[in-house]
Amino acid sequence: MNYNATEKGYYGEFGGAYIPEMLYPNVEELRQNYLKVMVEPDFKKEFDQLLKDYVGRPSPLYFAKRLSEKYNTKVYLKREDLNHTGAHKVNNTIGQILMAKRLKKTRIIAETGAGQHGVATATVCALMGMKCVVYMGEIDIARQAPNVARMKMLGAEVRPALSGSRTLKDATNEAIRDWINNPVDTHYIIGSAIGPHPYPDMVTRFQSIISEEIKWQLKEKEGRENPDYVVACIGGGSNAAGTYYHFLHEPEVGIIAVEAAGKGVNSGESAATSALGKEGVIHGCKTLLMQTNDGQITEPYSISAGLDYPGVGPLHAHLYTSGRGEFYSATDDEAMNSGLELTQLEGIIPAIETSHALAIFKHKTFKPDDVVVISLSGRGDKDLDNYIKYFNL
């Protein structure tokens, strides 16, 4: 089975480009050019150089000795939290700003939930001297204040989304409206492996540096390129897509996704899309989507602003329905406790999004000689407020 996007942007039955007529020229311009641009030697050289000298790649593959002892298996952490800006998001924004420049765009818009993608977008706009507008749900602005301050310091304008649940989905709606109104000079940097084709494929390719590095780093440490399992948290799923990319067609590598169960999968306050979702269209692509019986999108909930999304990227929908990926969901409590556990066992404070991936040990037992690589997608500075409140620190 093929797990890469087809020419029309489908992963199995998911994906495609379901867009209003007015967005067609923008999306089509990108679709016709993105693969050509990505293989240009000059583009590749600039992208690789910035990843190395600006982002600080390669990010380490760290053997978590005490965590491994506790769960009696070999746990490696792919340290995306050590990238400049503190998460995996910057891999994609560097790629997309270079793409925007080559398409002669002068203004950038973005949506953000946890604020990490907003910060990463504002960062590359400052780097390239481009105008930047970031849409963010009013609720997320309140719970991710340090990231909002960073974006403003970097020169971005942060516009609150005041409709709906006032979280990520609504910020995305606002960004799409902006793009429809400013089609000529504006490039929309989507931060997740979601949206109309070619976004899921383009974002995944920019993030695939994660699994590319895992392969040679593991070869150095274990004498083999392929782990037994790769694990990542999933909201829209860009860190997961990048972590899985080079293993998608290696059947001996188990692919594990951990979603946000919020207060429990069936509590009505959850973001566990694979468990609860039905086929539908959101933000320009066909995917699995949490919705009511008459097709209205239901409000997701998670303690983690970055996983608080009612859908999942089309690649992940395909991995779920085809059985290629194992999908689990972790509650707020499981995630928070797993984050604290990593902090106290390894001296690494993870983002709450990442803490969901670490909760895999509450759901699955690995063999002693299994090599399990977990994407440590972001660091926990932005979440200290949430940790403080949750644990009464």
Protein backbone atom coordinates (compact mmCIF):
# COMPACT_ATOMS: atom_id res chain seq x y z
CA MET A 1 0.00 0.00 0.00
CA ASN A 2 1.17 3.55 -0.71
CA TYR A 3 1.31 6.02 2.18
CA ASN A 4 2.55 9.03 0.18
CA ALA A 5 0.24 11.61 -1.38
CA THR A 6 -0.94 10.97 -4.93
CA GLU A 7 -0.64 13.68 -7.55
CA LYS A 8 -4.09 14.97 -6.55
CA GLY A 9 -3.11 14.96 -2.89
CA TYR A 10 -4.92 11.84 -1.72
CA TYR A 11 -3.77 9.39 0.93
CA GLY A 12 -6.10 6.48 0.24
CA GLU A 13 -9.53 8.13 0.32
CA PHE A 14 -8.40 11.16 2.37
CA GLY A 15 -6.92 14.49 1.31
CA GLY A 16 -7.63 16.47 -1.85
CA ALA A 17 -8.32 20.19 -2.16
CA TYR A 18 -11.86 21.26 -1.22
CA ILE A 19 -11.56 25.00 -1.58
CA PRO A 20 -13.69 28.00 -2.53
CA GLU A 21 -13.27 29.21 -6.12
CA MET A 22 -11.50 32.36 -4.92
CA LEU A 23 -8.66 30.37 -3.36
CA TYR A 24 -8.08 28.19 -6.40
CA PRO A 25 -5.38 30.41 -8.03
CA ASN A 26 -3.32 30.54 -4.79
CA VAL A 27 -3.48 26.84 -4.09
CA GLU A 28 -2.93 25.91 -7.73
CA GLU A 29 0.15 28.16 -8.00
CA LEU A 30 1.61 26.41 -4.97
CA ARG A 31 0.67 22.93 -6.21
CA GLN A 32 2.31 23.48 -9.59
CA ASN A 33 5.53 24.79 -8.09
CA TYR A 34 6.24 23.23 -4.69
CA LEU A 35 7.94 20.01 -5.83
CA LYS A 36 9.96 21.78 -8.53
CA VAL A 37 11.14 24.42 -6.07
CA MET A 38 12.03 21.87 -3.36
CA VAL A 39 14.49 20.03 -5.62
CA GLU A 40 16.23 23.18 -6.91
CA PRO A 41 19.88 23.01 -5.74
CA ASP A 42 19.78 26.65 -4.54
CA PHE A 43 16.61 26.07 -2.52
CA LYS A 44 17.97 22.88 -0.98
CA LYS A 45 21.26 24.53 -0.12
CA GLU A 46 19.59 27.50 1.59
CA PHE A 47 17.10 25.27 3.44
CA ASP A 48 19.81 22.87 4.69
CA GLN A 49 22.09 25.74 5.68
CA LEU A 50 19.38 27.45 7.73
CA LEU A 51 18.40 24.17 9.41
CA LYS A 52 22.03 23.70 10.41
CA ASP A 53 23.17 27.20 11.39
CA TYR A 54 19.90 28.83 12.45
CA VAL A 55 17.71 26.01 13.78
CA GLY A 56 20.63 24.02 15.20
CA ARG A 57 20.04 20.70 13.45
CA PRO A 58 20.62 17.83 13.64
CA SER A 59 18.66 17.58 16.88
CA PRO A 60 20.08 14.90 19.20
CA LEU A 61 18.68 11.38 19.49
CA TYR A 62 18.96 10.87 23.24
CA PHE A 63 18.90 7.50 25.00
CA ALA A 64 16.63 8.04 28.03
CA LYS A 65 18.34 5.70 30.48
CA ARG A 66 16.10 6.10 33.53
CA LEU A 67 12.87 6.11 31.51
CA SER A 68 14.10 2.97 29.74
CA GLU A 69 14.81 1.27 33.07
CA LYS A 70 11.39 2.18 34.45
CA TYR A 71 9.52 0.71 31.46
CA ASN A 72 12.01 -2.09 30.72
CA THR A 73 12.57 -1.20 27.07
CA LYS A 74 14.99 0.99 25.07
CA VAL A 75 13.60 4.52 24.80
CA TYR A 76 15.20 7.14 22.58
CA LEU A 77 13.94 10.72 22.49
CA LYS A 78 14.24 12.72 19.28
CA ARG A 79 14.99 16.13 20.77
CA GLU A 80 12.94 18.51 18.59
CA ASP A 81 12.52 20.59 21.76
CA LEU A 82 16.14 21.72 21.31
CA ASN A 83 15.47 23.44 17.97
CA HIS A 84 15.52 27.23 17.83
CA THR A 85 12.04 28.42 19.00
CA GLY A 86 11.59 25.25 21.07
CA ALA A 87 9.70 22.84 18.81
CA HIS A 88 9.60 21.01 15.49
CA LYS A 89 7.48 23.77 13.93
CA VAL A 90 10.44 25.81 12.67
CA ASN A 91 11.54 23.04 10.22
CA ASN A 92 8.38 23.74 8.23
CA THR A 93 8.28 27.55 8.55
CA ILE A 94 11.85 27.86 7.23
CA GLY A 95 10.86 25.73 4.23
CA GLN A 96 7.65 27.64 3.60
CA ILE A 97 9.13 31.15 3.89
CA LEU A 98 11.76 30.17 1.31
CA MET A 99 8.91 28.85 -0.86
CA ALA A 100 6.94 32.12 -0.42
CA LYS A 101 9.98 34.18 -1.44
CA ARG A 102 10.42 32.14 -4.61
CA LEU A 103 6.74 32.66 -5.43
CA LYS A 104 7.29 36.44 -4.97
CA LYS A 105 4.95 36.80 -1.96
CA THR A 106 5.51 39.72 0.41
CA ARG A 107 3.05 39.06 3.24
CA ILE A 108 2.66 35.99 5.44
CA ILE A 109 -0.35 34.80 7.43
CA ALA A 110 -0.56 31.85 9.81
CA GLU A 111 -2.86 30.20 12.34
CA THR A 112 -1.67 28.90 15.68
CA GLY A 113 -3.05 26.97 18.66
CA ALA A 114 -0.29 26.44 21.21
CA GLY A 115 1.51 29.41 19.72
CA GLN A 116 4.62 27.42 18.71
CA HIS A 117 3.76 27.61 15.01
CA GLY A 118 2.94 31.31 15.41
CA VAL A 119 6.32 31.92 17.04
CA ALA A 120 8.11 29.87 14.36
CA THR A 121 6.31 31.84 11.62
CA ALA A 122 6.99 35.22 13.24
CA THR A 123 10.63 34.15 13.64
CA VAL A 124 11.21 33.38 9.96
CA CYS A 125 9.31 36.55 8.94
CA ALA A 126 11.70 38.58 11.11
CA LEU A 127 14.60 36.66 9.58
CA MET A 128 13.43 37.46 6.03
CA GLY A 129 11.98 40.92 6.69
CA MET A 130 8.40 39.98 5.76
CA LYS A 131 5.09 41.28 7.12
CA CYS A 132 3.42 38.72 9.39
CA VAL A 133 -0.15 38.32 10.72
CA VAL A 134 -0.92 35.41 13.08
CA TYR A 135 -4.49 34.35 13.89
CA MET A 136 -5.00 32.77 17.29
CA GLY A 137 -8.12 31.81 19.23
CA GLU A 138 -8.95 34.13 22.11
CA ILE A 139 -8.83 31.23 24.60
CA ASP A 140 -5.41 30.12 23.33
CA ILE A 141 -4.12 33.70 23.58
CA ALA A 142 -4.99 33.58 27.29
CA ARG A 143 -3.45 30.16 27.97
CA GLN A 144 -0.27 30.66 25.91
CA ALA A 145 0.64 34.23 26.92
CA PRO A 146 4.46 33.79 26.71
CA ASN A 147 4.18 32.76 23.06
CA VAL A 148 1.91 35.71 22.27
CA ALA A 149 4.53 38.05 23.76
CA ARG A 150 7.24 36.37 21.66
CA MET A 151 5.27 36.84 18.45
CA LYS A 152 4.73 40.53 19.19
CA MET A 153 8.43 41.01 20.02
CA LEU A 154 9.26 39.40 16.69
CA GLY A 155 7.16 42.04 14.93
CA ALA A 156 4.07 39.95 14.14
CA GLU A 157 0.52 41.20 14.51
CA VAL A 158 -1.53 38.72 16.58
CA ARG A 159 -5.23 38.81 15.66
CA PRO A 160 -7.68 37.06 18.01
CA ALA A 161 -10.34 34.67 16.66
CA LEU A 162 -13.50 35.52 18.56
CA SER A 163 -15.96 33.05 17.01
CA GLY A 164 -16.88 29.43 17.80
CA SER A 165 -14.78 27.78 20.50
CA ARG A 166 -12.17 30.57 20.03
CA THR A 167 -9.38 27.99 19.59
CA LEU A 168 -7.32 26.56 16.73
CA LYS A 169 -10.18 25.64 14.37
CA ASP A 170 -11.51 29.21 14.54
CA ALA A 171 -8.06 30.75 14.05
CA THR A 172 -7.74 28.63 10.90
CA ASN A 173 -11.12 29.86 9.64
CA GLU A 174 -9.98 33.49 10.10
CA ALA A 175 -6.68 32.86 8.32
CA ILE A 176 -8.49 31.32 5.33
CA ARG A 177 -10.81 34.38 5.16
CA ASP A 178 -7.78 36.66 5.14
CA TRP A 179 -6.20 34.64 2.32
CA ILE A 180 -9.37 34.88 0.21
CA ASN A 181 -9.27 38.68 0.66
CA ASN A 182 -5.54 39.01 -0.11
CA PRO A 183 -4.85 36.44 -2.81
CA VAL A 184 -2.03 38.12 -4.74
CA ASP A 185 0.68 39.12 -2.26
CA THR A 186 -0.02 36.71 0.62
CA HIS A 187 1.28 33.21 1.38
CA TYR A 188 -0.50 31.20 4.08
CA ILE A 189 1.98 29.16 6.15
CA ILE A 190 -0.10 26.28 7.49
CA GLY A 191 1.59 24.74 10.53
CA SER A 192 0.12 21.26 10.43
CA ALA A 193 -0.12 18.35 8.00
CA ILE A 194 -3.64 19.50 7.14
CA GLY A 195 -5.33 21.81 4.64
CA PRO A 196 -5.85 21.58 0.88
CA HIS A 197 -3.29 19.74 -1.26
CA PRO A 198 -0.34 20.43 -1.51
CA TYR A 199 -0.11 21.52 2.15
CA PRO A 200 -0.21 18.11 3.90
CA ASP A 201 2.45 16.75 1.54
CA MET A 202 4.61 19.89 1.58
CA VAL A 203 4.55 20.21 5.39
CA THR A 204 5.31 16.49 5.76
CA ARG A 205 8.28 16.76 3.39
CA PHE A 206 9.73 19.73 5.29
CA GLN A 207 9.26 17.86 8.58
CA SER A 208 10.68 14.59 7.19
CA ILE A 209 14.14 15.82 8.25
CA ILE A 210 13.15 14.33 11.66
CA SER A 211 12.93 10.72 10.45
CA GLU A 212 15.84 11.22 8.05
CA GLU A 213 18.06 12.06 11.03
CA ILE A 214 16.61 9.29 13.22
CA LYS A 215 17.77 6.71 10.64
CA TRP A 216 21.45 7.66 10.65
CA GLN A 217 21.51 8.50 14.35
CA LEU A 218 20.07 5.11 15.25
CA LYS A 219 22.58 3.42 12.96
CA GLU A 220 25.34 5.05 15.00
CA LYS A 221 23.79 4.07 18.35
CA GLU A 222 22.19 0.69 17.70
CA GLY A 223 23.84 -0.47 14.46
CA ARG A 224 20.51 -0.38 12.60
CA GLU A 225 18.50 2.34 10.88
CA ASN A 226 15.03 1.19 11.81
CA PRO A 227 13.56 1.28 15.31
CA ASP A 228 10.85 -1.17 16.35
CA TYR A 229 8.45 1.69 17.01
CA VAL A 230 8.17 5.42 16.34
CA VAL A 231 5.80 7.31 18.62
CA ALA A 232 4.39 10.85 18.30
CA CYS A 233 1.51 12.93 19.60
CA ILE A 234 -1.11 13.94 17.04
CA GLY A 235 -3.31 17.00 16.66
CA GLY A 236 -3.14 18.00 13.00
CA GLY A 237 -0.02 15.87 12.95
CA SER A 238 3.04 17.59 11.47
CA ASN A 239 5.56 16.35 14.04
CA ALA A 240 4.11 12.85 13.66
CA ALA A 241 4.19 13.02 9.85
CA GLY A 242 7.85 14.03 9.92
CA THR A 243 8.70 11.34 12.47
CA TYR A 244 6.98 8.59 10.46
CA TYR A 245 7.90 9.69 6.91
CA HIS A 246 10.98 7.55 6.23
CA PHE A 247 9.41 4.54 7.97
CA LEU A 248 5.98 4.55 6.29
CA HIS A 249 6.97 1.81 3.83
CA GLU A 250 9.12 -0.17 6.28
CA PRO A 251 6.60 -2.71 7.61
CA GLU A 252 8.84 -3.82 10.49
CA VAL A 253 8.61 -0.34 12.06
CA GLY A 254 5.50 0.07 14.19
CA ILE A 255 3.87 3.50 13.87
CA ILE A 256 2.17 4.77 17.01
CA ALA A 257 0.06 7.91 17.32
CA VAL A 258 -1.24 9.30 20.62
CA GLU A 259 -4.19 11.68 20.51
CA ALA A 260 -5.70 13.85 23.23
CA ALA A 261 -8.57 12.13 25.06
CA GLY A 262 -9.14 15.26 27.16
CA LYS A 263 -11.38 14.32 30.08
CA GLY A 264 -12.01 10.88 28.53
CA VAL A 265 -12.75 9.69 25.00
CA ASN A 266 -16.51 9.54 25.58
CA SER A 267 -16.74 12.43 28.03
CA GLY A 268 -17.85 14.94 25.39
CA GLU A 269 -14.64 16.86 26.18
CA SER A 270 -12.00 15.23 24.02
CA ALA A 271 -9.96 15.60 20.83
CA ALA A 272 -9.55 11.88 20.05
CA THR A 273 -10.37 12.17 16.36
CA SER A 274 -9.54 8.63 15.27
CA ALA A 275 -11.80 7.12 17.96
CA LEU A 276 -14.65 9.61 17.48
CA GLY A 277 -14.23 10.93 13.94
CA LYS A 278 -16.24 10.26 10.80
CA GLU A 279 -15.30 11.16 7.25
CA GLY A 280 -15.79 14.84 6.53
CA VAL A 281 -14.21 17.95 5.07
CA ILE A 282 -12.43 20.58 7.17
CA HIS A 283 -10.12 23.42 6.13
CA GLY A 284 -9.81 22.22 2.56
CA CYS A 285 -9.28 18.46 2.90
CA LYS A 286 -11.28 15.30 3.38
CA THR A 287 -10.31 13.54 6.57
CA LEU A 288 -11.60 12.08 9.84
CA LEU A 289 -13.48 14.70 11.75
CA MET A 290 -15.37 14.92 15.04
CA GLN A 291 -18.93 15.83 14.07
CA THR A 292 -22.54 15.52 15.08
CA ASN A 293 -24.95 13.16 13.30
CA ASP A 294 -26.02 15.98 10.99
CA GLY A 295 -22.40 16.84 10.10
CA GLN A 296 -21.78 19.85 12.34
CA ILE A 297 -18.20 19.97 13.63
CA THR A 298 -18.12 19.28 17.37
CA GLU A 299 -15.94 21.36 19.67
CA PRO A 300 -12.77 19.54 20.64
CA TYR A 301 -11.19 19.83 24.07
CA SER A 302 -7.70 19.15 25.40
CA ILE A 303 -5.57 20.65 28.14
CA SER A 304 -3.00 21.00 25.38
CA ALA A 305 -3.64 23.94 23.04
CA GLY A 306 -1.74 22.26 20.20
CA LEU A 307 -3.88 19.08 20.15
CA ASP A 308 -7.20 20.86 20.57
CA TYR A 309 -8.37 20.26 16.97
CA PRO A 310 -11.46 18.39 15.74
CA GLY A 311 -9.72 16.72 12.77
CA VAL A 312 -6.50 14.96 11.94
CA GLY A 313 -4.24 15.26 8.87
CA PRO A 314 -5.27 13.09 5.88
CA LEU A 315 -2.06 11.01 6.07
CA HIS A 316 -2.95 10.04 9.64
CA ALA A 317 -6.56 9.31 8.73
CA HIS A 318 -5.17 6.92 6.10
CA LEU A 319 -2.72 5.34 8.57
CA TYR A 320 -5.60 4.77 10.97
CA THR A 321 -8.16 3.32 8.57
CA SER A 322 -5.60 1.17 6.74
CA GLY A 323 -4.32 -0.25 10.04
CA ARG A 324 -0.73 0.87 9.32
CA GLY A 325 -0.70 3.01 12.47
CA GLU A 326 -1.71 2.11 16.03
CA PHE A 327 -3.76 4.92 17.53
CA TYR A 328 -4.11 5.55 21.25
CA SER A 329 -5.56 8.43 23.21
CA ALA A 330 -4.26 9.85 26.49
CA THR A 331 -6.34 11.85 28.95
CA ASP A 332 -5.28 15.21 30.36
CA ASP A 333 -4.33 13.46 33.61
CA GLU A 334 -2.24 10.77 31.90
CA ALA A 335 -0.43 13.37 29.81
CA MET A 336 0.29 15.74 32.68
CA ASN A 337 1.63 12.93 34.86
CA SER A 338 3.76 11.56 32.02
CA GLY A 339 5.23 15.03 31.45
CA LEU A 340 6.10 15.34 35.13
CA GLU A 341 7.57 11.84 35.09
CA LEU A 342 9.94 12.69 32.21
CA THR A 343 10.94 15.89 34.01
CA GLN A 344 11.84 14.02 37.19
CA LEU A 345 13.48 11.00 35.53
CA GLU A 346 15.47 12.74 32.79
CA GLY A 347 15.59 16.44 33.68
CA ILE A 348 13.65 17.41 30.52
CA ILE A 349 10.41 19.43 30.80
CA PRO A 350 8.30 18.56 27.73
CA ALA A 351 5.50 20.52 26.09
CA ILE A 352 2.08 19.21 27.15
CA GLU A 353 1.52 18.09 23.54
CA THR A 354 4.62 15.88 23.78
CA SER A 355 3.51 14.59 27.18
CA HIS A 356 0.65 12.82 25.39
CA ALA A 357 3.17 10.78 23.37
CA LEU A 358 5.01 9.92 26.59
CA ALA A 359 1.73 8.56 28.00
CA ILE A 360 2.06 5.61 25.58
CA PHE A 361 3.64 3.62 28.43
CA LYS A 362 0.31 3.76 30.27
CA HIS A 363 -1.32 1.98 27.30
CA LYS A 364 1.21 -0.33 25.73
CA THR A 365 3.93 -2.65 27.05
CA PHE A 366 7.08 -2.94 24.95
CA LYS A 367 9.58 -5.81 24.93
CA PRO A 368 12.92 -5.35 26.73
CA ASP A 369 14.90 -5.32 23.47
CA ASP A 370 12.46 -3.09 21.55
CA VAL A 371 13.92 0.20 20.34
CA VAL A 372 11.23 2.85 20.80
CA VAL A 373 11.84 6.34 19.40
CA ILE A 374 9.55 9.07 20.74
CA SER A 375 9.33 12.47 19.06
CA LEU A 376 9.94 15.03 21.80
CA SER A 377 8.14 17.59 19.69
CA GLY A 378 8.48 20.64 21.93
CA ARG A 379 9.73 21.99 25.23
CA GLY A 380 7.59 22.92 28.18
CA ASP A 381 8.46 26.59 28.81
CA LYS A 382 5.23 27.74 27.17
CA ASP A 383 3.23 25.39 29.43
CA LEU A 384 4.72 26.23 32.81
CA ASP A 385 1.57 28.09 33.80
CA ASN A 386 -0.53 25.00 33.06
CA TYR A 387 1.87 22.71 34.93
CA ILE A 388 1.92 25.12 37.91
CA LYS A 389 -1.89 25.18 38.10
CA TYR A 390 -2.31 21.46 37.53
CA PHE A 391 0.23 20.30 40.14
CA ASN A 392 -0.23 23.27 42.54
CA LEU A 393 3.49 23.98 42.27
